[in-house]
Amino acid sequence: MSKEVVEYVELIETRERARKASRSRDMLSALKDRVVTLEESRGMLKRGLMKPGGLTNGLQSMKEQLRDYMLESLSSIKNKLTDRDDTL
């Protein structure tokens, strides 16, 4: 090979390595941003749980609503079964 061809090939390889390094840096930067976002979200959740009556009040309310719904459903089923038993 001539000296010019070797230099040209080396130049292309160097440029390709630089591109790959740049892509790797971009991916690493994006990953770091995601980690920071996740850590911030985790911190907000932790602070919310630590507050007196924080997130637990909402969960307690949902639990009570679910319990009431289940009791109403069971009562309705019981009434239907009692009506069927009476007709038999």
PDB file of N, CA and C in Angstrom:
ATOM      1  N   MET A   1       0.836  -1.194   0.000  1.00  0.00           N
ATOM      2  CA  MET A   1       0.000   0.000   0.000  1.00  0.00           C
ATOM      3  C   MET A   1       0.872   1.246   0.000  1.00  0.00           C
ATOM      4  N   SER A   2       0.333   2.238  -0.592  1.00  0.00           N
ATOM      5  CA  SER A   2       1.104   3.475  -0.610  1.00  0.00           C
ATOM      6  C   SER A   2       0.934   4.210   0.708  1.00  0.00           C
ATOM      7  N   LYS A   3       1.828   5.118   0.958  1.00  0.00           N
ATOM      8  CA  LYS A   3       1.813   5.888   2.206  1.00  0.00           C
ATOM      9  C   LYS A   3       0.531   6.709   2.335  1.00  0.00           C
ATOM     10  N   GLU A   4       0.018   7.226   1.260  1.00  0.00           N
ATOM     11  CA  GLU A   4      -1.202   8.040   1.279  1.00  0.00           C
ATOM     12  C   GLU A   4      -2.409   7.204   1.694  1.00  0.00           C
ATOM     13  N   VAL A   5      -2.499   5.978   1.196  1.00  0.00           N
ATOM     14  CA  VAL A   5      -3.622   5.107   1.533  1.00  0.00           C
ATOM     15  C   VAL A   5      -3.578   4.742   3.012  1.00  0.00           C
ATOM     16  N   VAL A   6      -2.422   4.439   3.526  1.00  0.00           N
ATOM     17  CA  VAL A   6      -2.265   4.089   4.941  1.00  0.00           C
ATOM     18  C   VAL A   6      -2.675   5.269   5.819  1.00  0.00           C
ATOM     19  N   GLU A   7      -2.236   6.464   5.457  1.00  0.00           N
ATOM     20  CA  GLU A   7      -2.605   7.654   6.235  1.00  0.00           C
ATOM     21  C   GLU A   7      -4.117   7.886   6.191  1.00  0.00           C
ATOM     22  N   TYR A   8      -4.720   7.684   5.031  1.00  0.00           N
ATOM     23  CA  TYR A   8      -6.166   7.866   4.878  1.00  0.00           C
ATOM     24  C   TYR A   8      -6.932   6.845   5.737  1.00  0.00           C
ATOM     25  N   VAL A   9      -6.502   5.595   5.735  1.00  0.00           N
ATOM     26  CA  VAL A   9      -7.142   4.552   6.539  1.00  0.00           C
ATOM     27  C   VAL A   9      -7.011   4.874   8.018  1.00  0.00           C
ATOM     28  N   GLU A  10      -5.826   5.315   8.442  1.00  0.00           N
ATOM     29  CA  GLU A  10      -5.616   5.687   9.841  1.00  0.00           C
ATOM     30  C   GLU A  10      -6.509   6.861  10.224  1.00  0.00           C
ATOM     31  N   LEU A  11      -6.675   7.808   9.337  1.00  0.00           N
ATOM     32  CA  LEU A  11      -7.530   8.958   9.592  1.00  0.00           C
ATOM     33  C   LEU A  11      -8.984   8.513   9.782  1.00  0.00           C
ATOM     34  N   ILE A  12      -9.463   7.613   8.925  1.00  0.00           N
ATOM     35  CA  ILE A  12     -10.835   7.106   9.049  1.00  0.00           C
ATOM     36  C   ILE A  12     -11.011   6.355  10.358  1.00  0.00           C
ATOM     37  N   GLU A  13     -10.038   5.514  10.712  1.00  0.00           N
ATOM     38  CA  GLU A  13     -10.129   4.754  11.968  1.00  0.00           C
ATOM     39  C   GLU A  13     -10.141   5.690  13.165  1.00  0.00           C
ATOM     40  N   THR A  14      -9.326   6.719  13.134  1.00  0.00           N
ATOM     41  CA  THR A  14      -9.279   7.686  14.231  1.00  0.00           C
ATOM     42  C   THR A  14     -10.606   8.422  14.351  1.00  0.00           C
ATOM     43  N   ARG A  15     -11.179   8.826  13.218  1.00  0.00           N
ATOM     44  CA  ARG A  15     -12.452   9.524  13.217  1.00  0.00           C
ATOM     45  C   ARG A  15     -13.559   8.617  13.766  1.00  0.00           C
ATOM     46  N   GLU A  16     -13.539   7.332  13.381  1.00  0.00           N
ATOM     47  CA  GLU A  16     -14.550   6.380  13.845  1.00  0.00           C
ATOM     48  C   GLU A  16     -14.429   6.165  15.352  1.00  0.00           C
ATOM     49  N   ARG A  17     -13.204   6.068  15.856  1.00  0.00           N
ATOM     50  CA  ARG A  17     -13.009   5.918  17.309  1.00  0.00           C
ATOM     51  C   ARG A  17     -13.542   7.143  18.052  1.00  0.00           C
ATOM     52  N   ALA A  18     -13.323   8.313  17.497  1.00  0.00           N
ATOM     53  CA  ALA A  18     -13.807   9.547  18.122  1.00  0.00           C
ATOM     54  C   ALA A  18     -15.339   9.556  18.146  1.00  0.00           C
ATOM     55  N   ARG A  19     -15.959   9.100  17.040  1.00  0.00           N
ATOM     56  CA  ARG A  19     -17.418   9.032  16.997  1.00  0.00           C
ATOM     57  C   ARG A  19     -17.961   8.070  18.042  1.00  0.00           C
ATOM     58  N   LYS A  20     -17.332   6.895  18.154  1.00  0.00           N
ATOM     59  CA  LYS A  20     -17.776   5.902  19.138  1.00  0.00           C
ATOM     60  C   LYS A  20     -17.626   6.450  20.548  1.00  0.00           C
ATOM     61  N   ALA A  21     -16.509   7.124  20.813  1.00  0.00           N
ATOM     62  CA  ALA A  21     -16.291   7.712  22.137  1.00  0.00           C
ATOM     63  C   ALA A  21     -17.343   8.774  22.427  1.00  0.00           C
ATOM     64  N   SER A  22     -17.687   9.554  21.414  1.00  0.00           N
ATOM     65  CA  SER A  22     -18.704  10.592  21.581  1.00  0.00           C
ATOM     66  C   SER A  22     -20.064   9.966  21.893  1.00  0.00           C
ATOM     67  N   ARG A  23     -20.414   8.890  21.158  1.00  0.00           N
ATOM     68  CA  ARG A  23     -21.687   8.209  21.425  1.00  0.00           C
ATOM     69  C   ARG A  23     -21.706   7.622  22.829  1.00  0.00           C
ATOM     70  N   SER A  24     -20.575   7.067  23.255  1.00  0.00           N
ATOM     71  CA  SER A  24     -20.490   6.494  24.597  1.00  0.00           C
ATOM     72  C   SER A  24     -20.681   7.577  25.655  1.00  0.00           C
ATOM     73  N   ARG A  25     -20.074   8.740  25.425  1.00  0.00           N
ATOM     74  CA  ARG A  25     -20.240   9.847  26.373  1.00  0.00           C
ATOM     75  C   ARG A  25     -21.687  10.310  26.422  1.00  0.00           C
ATOM     76  N   ASP A  26     -22.342  10.372  25.261  1.00  0.00           N
ATOM     77  CA  ASP A  26     -23.750  10.775  25.212  1.00  0.00           C
ATOM     78  C   ASP A  26     -24.626   9.786  25.984  1.00  0.00           C
ATOM     79  N   MET A  27     -24.365   8.496  25.789  1.00  0.00           N
ATOM     80  CA  MET A  27     -25.156   7.482  26.489  1.00  0.00           C
ATOM     81  C   MET A  27     -24.900   7.552  27.993  1.00  0.00           C
ATOM     82  N   LEU A  28     -23.654   7.750  28.384  1.00  0.00           N
ATOM     83  CA  LEU A  28     -23.320   7.854  29.803  1.00  0.00           C
ATOM     84  C   LEU A  28     -23.990   9.074  30.420  1.00  0.00           C
ATOM     85  N   SER A  29     -23.986  10.179  29.705  1.00  0.00           N
ATOM     86  CA  SER A  29     -24.631  11.397  30.199  1.00  0.00           C
ATOM     87  C   SER A  29     -26.135  11.182  30.382  1.00  0.00           C
ATOM     88  N   ALA A  30     -26.779  10.538  29.415  1.00  0.00           N
ATOM     89  CA  ALA A  30     -28.215  10.268  29.517  1.00  0.00           C
ATOM     90  C   ALA A  30     -28.506   9.350  30.689  1.00  0.00           C
ATOM     91  N   LEU A  31     -27.659   8.362  30.891  1.00  0.00           N
ATOM     92  CA  LEU A  31     -27.841   7.434  32.009  1.00  0.00           C
ATOM     93  C   LEU A  31     -27.690   8.153  33.346  1.00  0.00           C
ATOM     94  N   LYS A  32     -26.709   9.041  33.429  1.00  0.00           N
ATOM     95  CA  LYS A  32     -26.515   9.815  34.661  1.00  0.00           C
ATOM     96  C   LYS A  32     -27.745  10.674  34.950  1.00  0.00           C
ATOM     97  N   ASP A  33     -28.324  11.282  33.918  1.00  0.00           N
ATOM     98  CA  ASP A  33     -29.533  12.096  34.089  1.00  0.00           C
ATOM     99  C   ASP A  33     -30.677  11.251  34.642  1.00  0.00           C
ATOM    100  N   ARG A  34     -30.815  10.040  34.126  1.00  0.00           N
ATOM    101  CA  ARG A  34     -31.875   9.160  34.615  1.00  0.00           C
ATOM    102  C   ARG A  34     -31.656   8.765  36.064  1.00  0.00           C
ATOM    103  N   VAL A  35     -30.412   8.507  36.436  1.00  0.00           N
ATOM    104  CA  VAL A  35     -30.100   8.143  37.823  1.00  0.00           C
ATOM    105  C   VAL A  35     -30.445   9.299  38.745  1.00  0.00           C
ATOM    106  N   VAL A  36     -30.086  10.511  38.347  1.00  0.00           N
ATOM    107  CA  VAL A  36     -30.392  11.689  39.165  1.00  0.00           C
ATOM    108  C   VAL A  36     -31.903  11.832  39.327  1.00  0.00           C
ATOM    109  N   THR A  37     -32.661  11.666  38.249  1.00  0.00           N
ATOM    110  CA  THR A  37     -34.120  11.763  38.311  1.00  0.00           C
ATOM    111  C   THR A  37     -34.697  10.705  39.242  1.00  0.00           C
ATOM    112  N   LEU A  38     -34.180   9.498  39.148  1.00  0.00           N
ATOM    113  CA  LEU A  38     -34.654   8.417  40.007  1.00  0.00           C
ATOM    114  C   LEU A  38     -34.350   8.702  41.470  1.00  0.00           C
ATOM    115  N   GLU A  39     -33.154   9.203  41.744  1.00  0.00           N
ATOM    116  CA  GLU A  39     -32.794   9.533  43.121  1.00  0.00           C
ATOM    117  C   GLU A  39     -33.669  10.656  43.666  1.00  0.00           C
ATOM    118  N   GLU A  40     -33.989  11.650  42.840  1.00  0.00           N
ATOM    119  CA  GLU A  40     -34.863  12.744  43.282  1.00  0.00           C
ATOM    120  C   GLU A  40     -36.260  12.220  43.585  1.00  0.00           C
ATOM    121  N   SER A  41     -36.770  11.347  42.732  1.00  0.00           N
ATOM    122  CA  SER A  41     -38.106  10.778  42.954  1.00  0.00           C
ATOM    123  C   SER A  41     -38.120   9.955  44.233  1.00  0.00           C
ATOM    124  N   ARG A  42     -37.090   9.172  44.434  1.00  0.00           N
ATOM    125  CA  ARG A  42     -36.991   8.349  45.640  1.00  0.00           C
ATOM    126  C   ARG A  42     -36.957   9.237  46.888  1.00  0.00           C
ATOM    127  N   GLY A  43     -36.214  10.331  46.800  1.00  0.00           N
ATOM    128  CA  GLY A  43     -36.137  11.259  47.926  1.00  0.00           C
ATOM    129  C   GLY A  43     -37.478  11.898  48.230  1.00  0.00           C
ATOM    130  N   MET A  44     -38.218  12.275  47.178  1.00  0.00           N
ATOM    131  CA  MET A  44     -39.537  12.878  47.381  1.00  0.00           C
ATOM    132  C   MET A  44     -40.487  11.877  48.030  1.00  0.00           C
ATOM    133  N   LEU A  45     -40.451  10.645  47.580  1.00  0.00           N
ATOM    134  CA  LEU A  45     -41.315   9.614  48.144  1.00  0.00           C
ATOM    135  C   LEU A  45     -40.960   9.372  49.605  1.00  0.00           C
ATOM    136  N   LYS A  46     -39.672   9.313  49.884  1.00  0.00           N
ATOM    137  CA  LYS A  46     -39.228   9.080  51.263  1.00  0.00           C
ATOM    138  C   LYS A  46     -39.675  10.222  52.180  1.00  0.00           C
ATOM    139  N   ARG A  47     -39.525  11.465  51.691  1.00  0.00           N
ATOM    140  CA  ARG A  47     -39.968  12.607  52.509  1.00  0.00           C
ATOM    141  C   ARG A  47     -41.481  12.568  52.720  1.00  0.00           C
ATOM    142  N   GLY A  48     -42.230  12.158  51.706  1.00  0.00           N
ATOM    143  CA  GLY A  48     -43.684  12.066  51.828  1.00  0.00           C
ATOM    144  C   GLY A  48     -44.096  11.024  52.843  1.00  0.00           C
ATOM    145  N   LEU A  49     -43.360   9.922  52.888  1.00  0.00           N
ATOM    146  CA  LEU A  49     -43.677   8.874  53.852  1.00  0.00           C
ATOM    147  C   LEU A  49     -43.297   9.284  55.267  1.00  0.00           C
ATOM    148  N   MET A  50     -42.271  10.115  55.391  1.00  0.00           N
ATOM    149  CA  MET A  50     -41.800  10.533  56.703  1.00  0.00           C
ATOM    150  C   MET A  50     -42.721  11.573  57.344  1.00  0.00           C
ATOM    151  N   LYS A  51     -43.443  12.333  56.526  1.00  0.00           N
ATOM    152  CA  LYS A  51     -44.328  13.360  57.073  1.00  0.00           C
ATOM    153  C   LYS A  51     -45.410  12.709  57.916  1.00  0.00           C
ATOM    154  N   PRO A  52     -45.790  13.366  59.016  1.00  0.00           N
ATOM    155  CA  PRO A  52     -46.918  12.830  59.770  1.00  0.00           C
ATOM    156  C   PRO A  52     -48.172  12.876  58.900  1.00  0.00           C
ATOM    157  N   GLY A  53     -48.782  11.736  58.699  1.00  0.00           N
ATOM    158  CA  GLY A  53     -49.988  11.668  57.890  1.00  0.00           C
ATOM    159  C   GLY A  53     -49.713  11.863  56.415  1.00  0.00           C
ATOM    160  N   GLY A  54     -48.478  11.663  55.965  1.00  0.00           N
ATOM    161  CA  GLY A  54     -48.110  11.862  54.569  1.00  0.00           C
ATOM    162  C   GLY A  54     -48.932  11.004  53.627  1.00  0.00           C
ATOM    163  N   LEU A  55     -48.324  10.085  52.987  1.00  0.00           N
ATOM    164  CA  LEU A  55     -49.002   9.238  52.019  1.00  0.00           C
ATOM    165  C   LEU A  55     -49.900   8.205  52.680  1.00  0.00           C
ATOM    166  N   THR A  56     -49.666   7.937  53.945  1.00  0.00           N
ATOM    167  CA  THR A  56     -50.442   6.895  54.613  1.00  0.00           C
ATOM    168  C   THR A  56     -51.912   7.272  54.754  1.00  0.00           C
ATOM    169  N   ASN A  57     -52.229   8.559  54.850  1.00  0.00           N
ATOM    170  CA  ASN A  57     -53.633   8.969  54.948  1.00  0.00           C
ATOM    171  C   ASN A  57     -54.403   8.586  53.694  1.00  0.00           C
ATOM    172  N   GLY A  58     -53.807   8.819  52.539  1.00  0.00           N
ATOM    173  CA  GLY A  58     -54.450   8.460  51.283  1.00  0.00           C
ATOM    174  C   GLY A  58     -54.645   6.962  51.164  1.00  0.00           C
ATOM    175  N   LEU A  59     -53.644   6.196  51.580  1.00  0.00           N
ATOM    176  CA  LEU A  59     -53.751   4.738  51.525  1.00  0.00           C
ATOM    177  C   LEU A  59     -54.821   4.232  52.488  1.00  0.00           C
ATOM    178  N   GLN A  60     -54.901   4.835  53.654  1.00  0.00           N
ATOM    179  CA  GLN A  60     -55.906   4.435  54.632  1.00  0.00           C
ATOM    180  C   GLN A  60     -57.305   4.708  54.097  1.00  0.00           C
ATOM    181  N   SER A  61     -57.475   5.851  53.460  1.00  0.00           N
ATOM    182  CA  SER A  61     -58.762   6.197  52.874  1.00  0.00           C
ATOM    183  C   SER A  61     -59.150   5.197  51.788  1.00  0.00           C
ATOM    184  N   MET A  62     -58.195   4.832  50.936  1.00  0.00           N
ATOM    185  CA  MET A  62     -58.469   3.851  49.880  1.00  0.00           C
ATOM    186  C   MET A  62     -58.821   2.495  50.486  1.00  0.00           C
ATOM    187  N   LYS A  63     -58.161   2.139  51.557  1.00  0.00           N
ATOM    188  CA  LYS A  63     -58.434   0.862  52.228  1.00  0.00           C
ATOM    189  C   LYS A  63     -59.857   0.844  52.781  1.00  0.00           C
ATOM    190  N   GLU A  64     -60.259   1.952  53.385  1.00  0.00           N
ATOM    191  CA  GLU A  64     -61.613   2.036  53.927  1.00  0.00           C
ATOM    192  C   GLU A  64     -62.661   1.976  52.816  1.00  0.00           C
ATOM    193  N   GLN A  65     -62.406   2.647  51.699  1.00  0.00           N
ATOM    194  CA  GLN A  65     -63.342   2.616  50.570  1.00  0.00           C
ATOM    195  C   GLN A  65     -63.466   1.202  50.011  1.00  0.00           C
ATOM    196  N   LEU A  66     -62.355   0.510  49.906  1.00  0.00           N
ATOM    197  CA  LEU A  66     -62.375  -0.856  49.408  1.00  0.00           C
ATOM    198  C   LEU A  66     -63.139  -1.766  50.367  1.00  0.00           C
ATOM    199  N   ARG A  67     -62.903  -1.597  51.650  1.00  0.00           N
ATOM    200  CA  ARG A  67     -63.615  -2.403  52.652  1.00  0.00           C
ATOM    201  C   ARG A  67     -65.119  -2.175  52.559  1.00  0.00           C
ATOM    202  N   ASP A  68     -65.541  -0.919  52.464  1.00  0.00           N
ATOM    203  CA  ASP A  68     -66.963  -0.605  52.351  1.00  0.00           C
ATOM    204  C   ASP A  68     -67.568  -1.224  51.090  1.00  0.00           C
ATOM    205  N   TYR A  69     -66.850  -1.136  49.980  1.00  0.00           N
ATOM    206  CA  TYR A  69     -67.325  -1.708  48.724  1.00  0.00           C
ATOM    207  C   TYR A  69     -67.483  -3.224  48.851  1.00  0.00           C
ATOM    208  N   MET A  70     -66.503  -3.875  49.448  1.00  0.00           N
ATOM    209  CA  MET A  70     -66.557  -5.331  49.610  1.00  0.00           C
ATOM    210  C   MET A  70     -67.723  -5.738  50.512  1.00  0.00           C
ATOM    211  N   LEU A  71     -67.938  -4.991  51.595  1.00  0.00           N
ATOM    212  CA  LEU A  71     -69.051  -5.305  52.494  1.00  0.00           C
ATOM    213  C   LEU A  71     -70.388  -5.155  51.780  1.00  0.00           C
ATOM    214  N   GLU A  72     -70.523  -4.102  50.980  1.00  0.00           N
ATOM    215  CA  GLU A  72     -71.760  -3.909  50.218  1.00  0.00           C
ATOM    216  C   GLU A  72     -71.957  -5.038  49.202  1.00  0.00           C
ATOM    217  N   SER A  73     -70.902  -5.429  48.542  1.00  0.00           N
ATOM    218  CA  SER A  73     -70.991  -6.515  47.552  1.00  0.00           C
ATOM    219  C   SER A  73     -71.379  -7.827  48.219  1.00  0.00           C
ATOM    220  N   LEU A  74     -70.743  -8.132  49.335  1.00  0.00           N
ATOM    221  CA  LEU A  74     -71.060  -9.377  50.041  1.00  0.00           C
ATOM    222  C   LEU A  74     -72.492  -9.371  50.558  1.00  0.00           C
ATOM    223  N   SER A  75     -72.932  -8.215  51.029  1.00  0.00           N
ATOM    224  CA  SER A  75     -74.306  -8.107  51.505  1.00  0.00           C
ATOM    225  C   SER A  75     -75.293  -8.334  50.361  1.00  0.00           C
ATOM    226  N   SER A  76     -74.987  -7.771  49.206  1.00  0.00           N
ATOM    227  CA  SER A  76     -75.842  -7.944  48.041  1.00  0.00           C
ATOM    228  C   SER A  76     -75.902  -9.415  47.616  1.00  0.00           C
ATOM    229  N   ILE A  77     -74.759 -10.075  47.608  1.00  0.00           N
ATOM    230  CA  ILE A  77     -74.713 -11.493  47.248  1.00  0.00           C
ATOM    231  C   ILE A  77     -75.502 -12.328  48.253  1.00  0.00           C
ATOM    232  N   LYS A  78     -75.347 -11.995  49.521  1.00  0.00           N
ATOM    233  CA  LYS A  78     -76.071 -12.725  50.571  1.00  0.00           C
ATOM    234  C   LYS A  78     -77.582 -12.583  50.376  1.00  0.00           C
ATOM    235  N   ASN A  79     -78.025 -11.364  50.078  1.00  0.00           N
ATOM    236  CA  ASN A  79     -79.457 -11.130  49.856  1.00  0.00           C
ATOM    237  C   ASN A  79     -79.971 -11.914  48.653  1.00  0.00           C
ATOM    238  N   LYS A  80     -79.195 -11.954  47.581  1.00  0.00           N
ATOM    239  CA  LYS A  80     -79.605 -12.711  46.388  1.00  0.00           C
ATOM    240  C   LYS A  80     -79.700 -14.191  46.693  1.00  0.00           C
ATOM    241  N   LEU A  81     -78.743 -14.710  47.438  1.00  0.00           N
ATOM    242  CA  LEU A  81     -78.766 -16.134  47.786  1.00  0.00           C
ATOM    243  C   LEU A  81     -79.934 -16.465  48.709  1.00  0.00           C
ATOM    244  N   THR A  82     -80.217 -15.549  49.633  1.00  0.00           N
ATOM    245  CA  THR A  82     -81.350 -15.765  50.539  1.00  0.00           C
ATOM    246  C   THR A  82     -82.669 -15.793  49.746  1.00  0.00           C
ATOM    247  N   ASP A  83     -82.813 -14.883  48.777  1.00  0.00           N
ATOM    248  CA  ASP A  83     -84.010 -14.837  47.936  1.00  0.00           C
ATOM    249  C   ASP A  83     -84.140 -16.135  47.142  1.00  0.00           C
ATOM    250  N   ARG A  84     -83.066 -16.638  46.584  1.00  0.00           N
ATOM    251  CA  ARG A  84     -83.114 -17.897  45.833  1.00  0.00           C
ATOM    252  C   ARG A  84     -83.487 -19.062  46.741  1.00  0.00           C
ATOM    253  N   ASP A  85     -82.928 -19.056  47.938  1.00  0.00           N
ATOM    254  CA  ASP A  85     -83.223 -20.143  48.875  1.00  0.00           C
ATOM    255  C   ASP A  85     -84.707 -20.119  49.252  1.00  0.00           C
ATOM    256  N   ASP A  86     -85.255 -18.914  49.427  1.00  0.00           N
ATOM    257  CA  ASP A  86     -86.669 -18.806  49.770  1.00  0.00           C
ATOM    258  C   ASP A  86     -87.566 -19.314  48.640  1.00  0.00           C
ATOM    259  N   THR A  87     -87.158 -19.068  47.380  1.00  0.00           N
ATOM    260  CA  THR A  87     -87.987 -19.499  46.269  1.00  0.00           C
ATOM    261  C   THR A  87     -87.916 -21.027  46.056  1.00  0.00           C
ATOM    262  N   LEU A  88     -86.833 -21.634  46.483  1.00  0.00           N
ATOM    263  CA  LEU A  88     -86.725 -23.092  46.340  1.00  0.00           C
ATOM    264  C   LEU A  88     -87.517 -23.722  47.428  1.00  0.00           C
TER     265      LEU A  88
END
